[in-house]
N, C-alpha and C. Protein backbone atom coordinates (compact mmCIF):
# COMPACT_ATOMS: atom_id res chain seq x y z
N MET A 1 -1.21 3.94 -21.06
CA MET A 1 -1.79 2.61 -21.01
C MET A 1 -1.36 1.84 -22.26
N GLN A 2 -0.88 0.67 -22.05
CA GLN A 2 -0.44 -0.17 -23.15
C GLN A 2 -1.64 -0.70 -23.92
N ASN A 3 -1.59 -0.59 -25.26
CA ASN A 3 -2.63 -1.15 -26.13
C ASN A 3 -4.04 -0.66 -25.82
N TYR A 4 -4.20 0.62 -25.49
CA TYR A 4 -5.55 1.14 -25.30
C TYR A 4 -5.99 1.80 -26.60
N PRO A 5 -7.15 1.53 -27.08
CA PRO A 5 -8.05 0.47 -26.59
C PRO A 5 -7.76 -0.88 -27.23
N ASP A 6 -7.78 -1.90 -26.44
CA ASP A 6 -7.63 -3.28 -26.91
C ASP A 6 -9.04 -3.79 -27.19
N PRO A 7 -9.34 -4.19 -28.44
CA PRO A 7 -10.70 -4.62 -28.78
C PRO A 7 -11.17 -5.87 -28.02
N ASN A 8 -10.24 -6.57 -27.38
CA ASN A 8 -10.61 -7.77 -26.62
C ASN A 8 -10.94 -7.47 -25.16
N LYS A 9 -10.90 -6.20 -24.79
CA LYS A 9 -11.16 -5.83 -23.40
C LYS A 9 -12.27 -4.79 -23.31
N LYS A 10 -12.86 -4.71 -22.13
CA LYS A 10 -13.78 -3.64 -21.77
C LYS A 10 -13.02 -2.73 -20.80
N TYR A 11 -13.39 -1.46 -20.77
CA TYR A 11 -12.66 -0.51 -19.94
C TYR A 11 -13.58 0.22 -18.97
N ILE A 12 -13.04 0.45 -17.78
CA ILE A 12 -13.70 1.23 -16.74
C ILE A 12 -12.69 2.30 -16.31
N ALA A 13 -13.17 3.50 -16.09
CA ALA A 13 -12.33 4.57 -15.54
C ALA A 13 -12.81 4.84 -14.12
N ALA A 14 -11.88 4.91 -13.19
CA ALA A 14 -12.23 5.14 -11.79
C ALA A 14 -11.34 6.23 -11.21
N ALA A 15 -11.82 6.85 -10.13
CA ALA A 15 -11.11 7.98 -9.53
C ALA A 15 -10.70 7.70 -8.09
N VAL A 16 -9.47 8.08 -7.79
CA VAL A 16 -9.03 8.20 -6.41
C VAL A 16 -9.09 9.70 -6.13
N ILE A 17 -10.18 10.11 -5.47
CA ILE A 17 -10.39 11.52 -5.15
C ILE A 17 -9.80 11.77 -3.76
N GLU A 18 -8.82 12.66 -3.72
CA GLU A 18 -8.11 12.91 -2.46
C GLU A 18 -8.29 14.36 -2.04
N LYS A 19 -8.59 14.55 -0.75
CA LYS A 19 -8.74 15.89 -0.20
C LYS A 19 -8.31 15.87 1.27
N ASN A 20 -7.41 16.75 1.61
CA ASN A 20 -6.93 16.86 2.99
C ASN A 20 -6.44 15.52 3.56
N GLY A 21 -5.74 14.74 2.73
CA GLY A 21 -5.18 13.48 3.19
C GLY A 21 -6.17 12.34 3.32
N LYS A 22 -7.38 12.55 2.82
CA LYS A 22 -8.40 11.49 2.87
C LYS A 22 -8.90 11.18 1.47
N PHE A 23 -9.43 9.97 1.31
CA PHE A 23 -9.92 9.49 0.03
C PHE A 23 -11.43 9.31 0.07
N LEU A 24 -12.07 9.63 -1.05
CA LEU A 24 -13.52 9.46 -1.13
C LEU A 24 -13.86 8.06 -1.61
N ILE A 25 -14.70 7.38 -0.84
CA ILE A 25 -15.27 6.11 -1.28
C ILE A 25 -16.79 6.25 -1.21
N ALA A 26 -17.47 5.47 -2.04
CA ALA A 26 -18.93 5.56 -2.10
C ALA A 26 -19.53 4.16 -2.07
N GLN A 27 -20.69 4.05 -1.43
CA GLN A 27 -21.37 2.76 -1.29
C GLN A 27 -22.38 2.59 -2.41
N ARG A 28 -22.27 1.46 -3.10
CA ARG A 28 -23.15 1.20 -4.24
C ARG A 28 -24.60 1.01 -3.79
N ALA A 29 -25.50 1.71 -4.48
CA ALA A 29 -26.92 1.59 -4.18
C ALA A 29 -27.65 0.77 -5.24
N LYS A 30 -27.02 0.66 -6.43
CA LYS A 30 -27.66 -0.05 -7.54
C LYS A 30 -27.96 -1.49 -7.12
N GLN A 31 -29.16 -1.93 -7.41
CA GLN A 31 -29.58 -3.27 -7.01
C GLN A 31 -28.96 -4.33 -7.91
N ASP A 32 -27.73 -4.68 -7.61
CA ASP A 32 -27.04 -5.75 -8.34
C ASP A 32 -26.21 -6.55 -7.33
N ALA A 33 -25.38 -7.43 -7.82
CA ALA A 33 -24.60 -8.30 -6.94
C ALA A 33 -23.64 -7.50 -6.06
N LEU A 34 -23.28 -6.29 -6.46
CA LEU A 34 -22.32 -5.49 -5.71
C LEU A 34 -22.98 -4.45 -4.79
N CYS A 35 -24.30 -4.48 -4.71
CA CYS A 35 -25.04 -3.53 -3.89
C CYS A 35 -24.54 -3.58 -2.44
N GLY A 36 -24.29 -2.41 -1.86
CA GLY A 36 -23.84 -2.34 -0.48
C GLY A 36 -22.33 -2.31 -0.33
N LEU A 37 -21.61 -2.68 -1.38
CA LEU A 37 -20.15 -2.64 -1.31
C LEU A 37 -19.67 -1.21 -1.57
N TRP A 38 -18.47 -0.91 -1.10
CA TRP A 38 -17.87 0.40 -1.26
C TRP A 38 -16.94 0.38 -2.48
N GLU A 39 -16.78 1.53 -3.12
CA GLU A 39 -15.97 1.58 -4.34
C GLU A 39 -15.38 2.96 -4.53
N PHE A 40 -14.41 3.00 -5.44
CA PHE A 40 -13.91 4.27 -5.94
C PHE A 40 -14.82 4.63 -7.11
N PRO A 41 -15.37 5.84 -7.14
CA PRO A 41 -16.34 6.20 -8.17
C PRO A 41 -15.77 6.12 -9.59
N GLY A 42 -16.65 5.84 -10.52
CA GLY A 42 -16.28 5.75 -11.93
C GLY A 42 -17.28 4.90 -12.68
N GLY A 43 -16.92 4.51 -13.90
CA GLY A 43 -17.84 3.69 -14.67
C GLY A 43 -17.27 3.27 -16.01
N LYS A 44 -18.12 2.63 -16.79
CA LYS A 44 -17.71 2.04 -18.07
C LYS A 44 -17.49 3.09 -19.15
N VAL A 45 -16.43 2.88 -19.92
CA VAL A 45 -16.10 3.75 -21.04
C VAL A 45 -17.09 3.48 -22.17
N GLU A 46 -17.65 4.55 -22.71
CA GLU A 46 -18.58 4.43 -23.83
C GLU A 46 -17.81 4.56 -25.15
N GLU A 47 -18.43 4.09 -26.21
CA GLU A 47 -17.84 4.12 -27.56
C GLU A 47 -17.33 5.53 -27.89
N GLY A 48 -16.06 5.62 -28.30
CA GLY A 48 -15.49 6.88 -28.73
C GLY A 48 -14.95 7.77 -27.63
N GLU A 49 -15.11 7.38 -26.37
CA GLU A 49 -14.61 8.17 -25.24
C GLU A 49 -13.18 7.80 -24.90
N THR A 50 -12.41 8.77 -24.44
CA THR A 50 -11.13 8.46 -23.83
C THR A 50 -11.41 8.09 -22.37
N LEU A 51 -10.43 7.53 -21.72
CA LEU A 51 -10.58 7.19 -20.30
C LEU A 51 -10.87 8.44 -19.47
N GLU A 52 -10.15 9.52 -19.78
CA GLU A 52 -10.34 10.76 -19.02
C GLU A 52 -11.72 11.36 -19.26
N GLU A 53 -12.20 11.33 -20.50
CA GLU A 53 -13.55 11.83 -20.80
C GLU A 53 -14.60 11.01 -20.07
N CYS A 54 -14.41 9.71 -20.05
CA CYS A 54 -15.34 8.82 -19.34
C CYS A 54 -15.38 9.17 -17.87
N LEU A 55 -14.22 9.33 -17.26
CA LEU A 55 -14.18 9.60 -15.83
C LEU A 55 -14.83 10.95 -15.50
N TYR A 56 -14.57 11.95 -16.31
CA TYR A 56 -15.20 13.25 -16.11
C TYR A 56 -16.73 13.10 -16.15
N ARG A 57 -17.23 12.41 -17.19
CA ARG A 57 -18.68 12.20 -17.35
C ARG A 57 -19.25 11.42 -16.18
N GLU A 58 -18.61 10.32 -15.82
CA GLU A 58 -19.11 9.46 -14.73
C GLU A 58 -19.16 10.21 -13.39
N LEU A 59 -18.14 11.00 -13.10
CA LEU A 59 -18.13 11.73 -11.84
C LEU A 59 -19.21 12.80 -11.81
N TYR A 60 -19.50 13.36 -12.98
CA TYR A 60 -20.59 14.33 -13.04
C TYR A 60 -21.94 13.62 -12.86
N GLU A 61 -22.12 12.48 -13.53
CA GLU A 61 -23.38 11.74 -13.42
C GLU A 61 -23.59 11.18 -12.02
N GLU A 62 -22.54 10.62 -11.41
CA GLU A 62 -22.67 9.96 -10.12
C GLU A 62 -22.65 10.92 -8.94
N LEU A 63 -21.81 11.98 -9.03
CA LEU A 63 -21.58 12.84 -7.87
C LEU A 63 -21.89 14.32 -8.11
N SER A 64 -22.30 14.68 -9.33
CA SER A 64 -22.61 16.07 -9.69
C SER A 64 -21.42 17.01 -9.55
N ILE A 65 -20.20 16.49 -9.74
CA ILE A 65 -19.01 17.34 -9.68
C ILE A 65 -18.34 17.40 -11.04
N LYS A 66 -17.65 18.51 -11.28
CA LYS A 66 -16.84 18.67 -12.49
C LYS A 66 -15.39 18.51 -12.05
N ALA A 67 -14.86 17.33 -12.32
CA ALA A 67 -13.53 16.96 -11.82
C ALA A 67 -12.43 17.34 -12.79
N VAL A 68 -11.29 17.66 -12.22
CA VAL A 68 -10.07 17.80 -13.00
C VAL A 68 -9.38 16.44 -12.89
N VAL A 69 -9.45 15.68 -14.00
CA VAL A 69 -8.86 14.34 -14.00
C VAL A 69 -7.35 14.49 -14.06
N GLY A 70 -6.68 13.96 -13.06
CA GLY A 70 -5.23 14.10 -12.94
C GLY A 70 -4.47 12.93 -13.52
N ASP A 71 -3.36 12.63 -12.90
CA ASP A 71 -2.44 11.61 -13.40
C ASP A 71 -3.01 10.20 -13.27
N TYR A 72 -2.61 9.37 -14.22
CA TYR A 72 -2.91 7.94 -14.16
C TYR A 72 -2.28 7.38 -12.90
N PHE A 73 -3.00 6.49 -12.20
CA PHE A 73 -2.51 5.91 -10.96
C PHE A 73 -2.17 4.43 -11.10
N CYS A 74 -3.13 3.64 -11.62
CA CYS A 74 -2.89 2.20 -11.77
C CYS A 74 -4.01 1.58 -12.59
N THR A 75 -3.84 0.31 -12.93
CA THR A 75 -4.89 -0.46 -13.60
C THR A 75 -5.13 -1.75 -12.84
N SER A 76 -6.39 -2.07 -12.65
CA SER A 76 -6.79 -3.33 -12.03
C SER A 76 -7.52 -4.14 -13.11
N THR A 77 -6.97 -5.29 -13.45
CA THR A 77 -7.55 -6.14 -14.48
C THR A 77 -8.33 -7.27 -13.82
N PHE A 78 -9.55 -7.53 -14.36
CA PHE A 78 -10.38 -8.59 -13.79
C PHE A 78 -11.27 -9.17 -14.88
N ILE A 79 -11.85 -10.32 -14.57
CA ILE A 79 -12.76 -11.00 -15.50
C ILE A 79 -14.15 -11.01 -14.88
N HIS A 80 -15.14 -10.61 -15.68
CA HIS A 80 -16.54 -10.63 -15.24
C HIS A 80 -17.38 -11.13 -16.41
N LYS A 81 -18.14 -12.18 -16.16
CA LYS A 81 -18.98 -12.80 -17.20
C LYS A 81 -18.20 -13.08 -18.47
N ASP A 82 -17.03 -13.70 -18.30
CA ASP A 82 -16.14 -14.13 -19.39
C ASP A 82 -15.56 -12.98 -20.21
N LEU A 83 -15.65 -11.75 -19.72
CA LEU A 83 -15.04 -10.61 -20.39
C LEU A 83 -13.91 -10.06 -19.54
N VAL A 84 -12.82 -9.65 -20.19
CA VAL A 84 -11.69 -9.06 -19.49
C VAL A 84 -11.90 -7.55 -19.40
N TYR A 85 -11.77 -7.02 -18.20
CA TYR A 85 -11.92 -5.59 -17.96
C TYR A 85 -10.60 -5.02 -17.44
N ASP A 86 -10.29 -3.83 -17.89
CA ASP A 86 -9.22 -3.03 -17.29
C ASP A 86 -9.88 -1.85 -16.60
N MET A 87 -9.73 -1.76 -15.28
CA MET A 87 -10.21 -0.59 -14.56
C MET A 87 -9.00 0.33 -14.40
N CYS A 88 -9.02 1.42 -15.16
CA CYS A 88 -7.92 2.37 -15.18
C CYS A 88 -8.23 3.49 -14.20
N VAL A 89 -7.33 3.69 -13.27
CA VAL A 89 -7.58 4.60 -12.15
C VAL A 89 -6.73 5.86 -12.29
N PHE A 90 -7.38 7.01 -12.06
CA PHE A 90 -6.72 8.31 -12.13
C PHE A 90 -6.90 9.04 -10.82
N LYS A 91 -5.93 9.88 -10.49
CA LYS A 91 -6.03 10.73 -9.31
C LYS A 91 -6.88 11.95 -9.63
N VAL A 92 -7.66 12.39 -8.68
CA VAL A 92 -8.43 13.63 -8.78
C VAL A 92 -8.16 14.42 -7.50
N HIS A 93 -7.51 15.57 -7.65
CA HIS A 93 -7.21 16.42 -6.50
C HIS A 93 -8.12 17.64 -6.44
N PHE A 94 -8.75 17.96 -7.59
CA PHE A 94 -9.58 19.16 -7.67
C PHE A 94 -10.90 18.84 -8.37
N TYR A 95 -11.97 19.46 -7.87
CA TYR A 95 -13.27 19.36 -8.54
C TYR A 95 -14.09 20.58 -8.18
N ASP A 96 -15.07 20.85 -9.02
CA ASP A 96 -15.96 21.98 -8.80
C ASP A 96 -17.35 21.45 -8.49
N GLY A 97 -18.01 22.05 -7.51
CA GLY A 97 -19.35 21.65 -7.15
C GLY A 97 -19.39 20.91 -5.82
N ASP A 98 -20.58 20.80 -5.28
CA ASP A 98 -20.80 20.05 -4.04
C ASP A 98 -21.22 18.63 -4.40
N ILE A 99 -20.64 17.67 -3.72
CA ILE A 99 -20.95 16.27 -4.01
C ILE A 99 -22.40 15.97 -3.65
N LYS A 100 -23.08 15.37 -4.61
CA LYS A 100 -24.46 14.91 -4.44
C LYS A 100 -24.49 13.44 -4.86
N LEU A 101 -25.02 12.59 -4.03
CA LEU A 101 -25.05 11.15 -4.34
C LEU A 101 -26.24 10.84 -5.25
N ASN A 102 -25.96 10.63 -6.52
CA ASN A 102 -27.00 10.31 -7.50
C ASN A 102 -27.16 8.81 -7.71
N GLU A 103 -26.10 8.04 -7.46
CA GLU A 103 -26.15 6.60 -7.70
C GLU A 103 -25.61 5.78 -6.53
N HIS A 104 -25.27 6.44 -5.44
CA HIS A 104 -24.73 5.75 -4.27
C HIS A 104 -25.62 6.03 -3.07
N SER A 105 -25.55 5.15 -2.08
CA SER A 105 -26.37 5.33 -0.88
C SER A 105 -25.63 6.07 0.22
N ALA A 106 -24.30 6.10 0.16
CA ALA A 106 -23.50 6.76 1.19
C ALA A 106 -22.11 7.05 0.63
N MET A 107 -21.41 7.93 1.31
CA MET A 107 -20.02 8.20 0.97
C MET A 107 -19.24 8.42 2.25
N ALA A 108 -17.92 8.28 2.15
CA ALA A 108 -17.07 8.50 3.31
C ALA A 108 -15.72 9.04 2.84
N TRP A 109 -15.16 9.94 3.64
CA TRP A 109 -13.80 10.42 3.43
C TRP A 109 -12.96 9.68 4.46
N VAL A 110 -12.00 8.88 3.99
CA VAL A 110 -11.24 8.02 4.89
C VAL A 110 -9.74 8.11 4.61
N THR A 111 -8.96 7.86 5.64
CA THR A 111 -7.51 7.80 5.48
C THR A 111 -7.15 6.49 4.79
N ALA A 112 -5.91 6.39 4.35
CA ALA A 112 -5.45 5.16 3.70
C ALA A 112 -5.64 3.96 4.63
N GLN A 113 -5.34 4.13 5.90
CA GLN A 113 -5.49 3.03 6.85
C GLN A 113 -6.95 2.65 7.06
N GLU A 114 -7.84 3.64 7.06
CA GLU A 114 -9.27 3.39 7.28
C GLU A 114 -9.93 2.69 6.10
N LEU A 115 -9.30 2.72 4.94
CA LEU A 115 -9.86 2.03 3.77
C LEU A 115 -10.14 0.56 4.08
N SER A 116 -9.33 -0.04 4.91
CA SER A 116 -9.46 -1.47 5.25
C SER A 116 -10.70 -1.79 6.08
N LEU A 117 -11.39 -0.77 6.58
CA LEU A 117 -12.57 -0.99 7.42
C LEU A 117 -13.83 -1.23 6.61
N TYR A 118 -13.74 -1.13 5.29
CA TYR A 118 -14.91 -1.24 4.41
C TYR A 118 -14.76 -2.46 3.50
N VAL A 119 -15.88 -2.91 2.94
CA VAL A 119 -15.89 -4.07 2.04
C VAL A 119 -16.07 -3.59 0.60
N TYR A 120 -15.21 -4.09 -0.30
CA TYR A 120 -15.15 -3.62 -1.69
C TYR A 120 -15.30 -4.77 -2.67
N PRO A 121 -15.66 -4.46 -3.91
CA PRO A 121 -15.56 -5.46 -4.97
C PRO A 121 -14.08 -5.81 -5.19
N GLU A 122 -13.83 -6.99 -5.64
CA GLU A 122 -12.46 -7.49 -5.85
C GLU A 122 -11.57 -6.52 -6.66
N PRO A 123 -12.05 -5.90 -7.75
CA PRO A 123 -11.18 -5.04 -8.55
C PRO A 123 -10.66 -3.80 -7.80
N ASP A 124 -11.30 -3.38 -6.72
CA ASP A 124 -10.86 -2.21 -5.98
C ASP A 124 -9.71 -2.53 -5.01
N LEU A 125 -9.52 -3.79 -4.68
CA LEU A 125 -8.54 -4.16 -3.66
C LEU A 125 -7.09 -3.80 -4.03
N PRO A 126 -6.65 -3.98 -5.29
CA PRO A 126 -5.28 -3.56 -5.62
C PRO A 126 -5.06 -2.05 -5.47
N ILE A 127 -6.09 -1.26 -5.68
CA ILE A 127 -5.99 0.19 -5.53
C ILE A 127 -5.73 0.51 -4.06
N ILE A 128 -6.49 -0.14 -3.18
CA ILE A 128 -6.33 0.08 -1.75
C ILE A 128 -4.92 -0.30 -1.30
N LYS A 129 -4.45 -1.42 -1.79
CA LYS A 129 -3.11 -1.88 -1.43
C LYS A 129 -2.05 -0.84 -1.81
N LEU A 130 -2.18 -0.27 -3.00
CA LEU A 130 -1.23 0.76 -3.44
C LEU A 130 -1.34 2.03 -2.60
N LEU A 131 -2.55 2.43 -2.25
CA LEU A 131 -2.73 3.63 -1.46
C LEU A 131 -2.19 3.46 -0.05
N GLN A 132 -2.16 2.24 0.45
CA GLN A 132 -1.70 1.99 1.81
C GLN A 132 -0.19 1.78 1.91
N LYS A 133 0.50 1.77 0.77
CA LYS A 133 1.97 1.61 0.79
C LYS A 133 2.65 2.84 1.36
């Protein structure tokens, strides 16, 4: 990642979890503007964390899994409340544990083509486009 960390940006780490040719998406349950939308799991980087450490922590907190964070996949840059965010996405092919939804209301394993059947926050759309290529 170029210029990580850039003090003028906020960072989010997200996962493209793939198993048997399908991708895991989760529906947001948190009561905010994005409630009900589907997303790739992940969350905000905390002070002193690397992107990979953040993603490992977030996947454990959100899904109760211990993930092997794989290769960097892409970055989706967006502006929210006048702040610039980089959502840095990594592939996850392996994890330990059974998925438990701690912060989501539902999950789905979908093919690249089926990703288009769900509604997502704007920052997730470039990830979907790349997965469907």
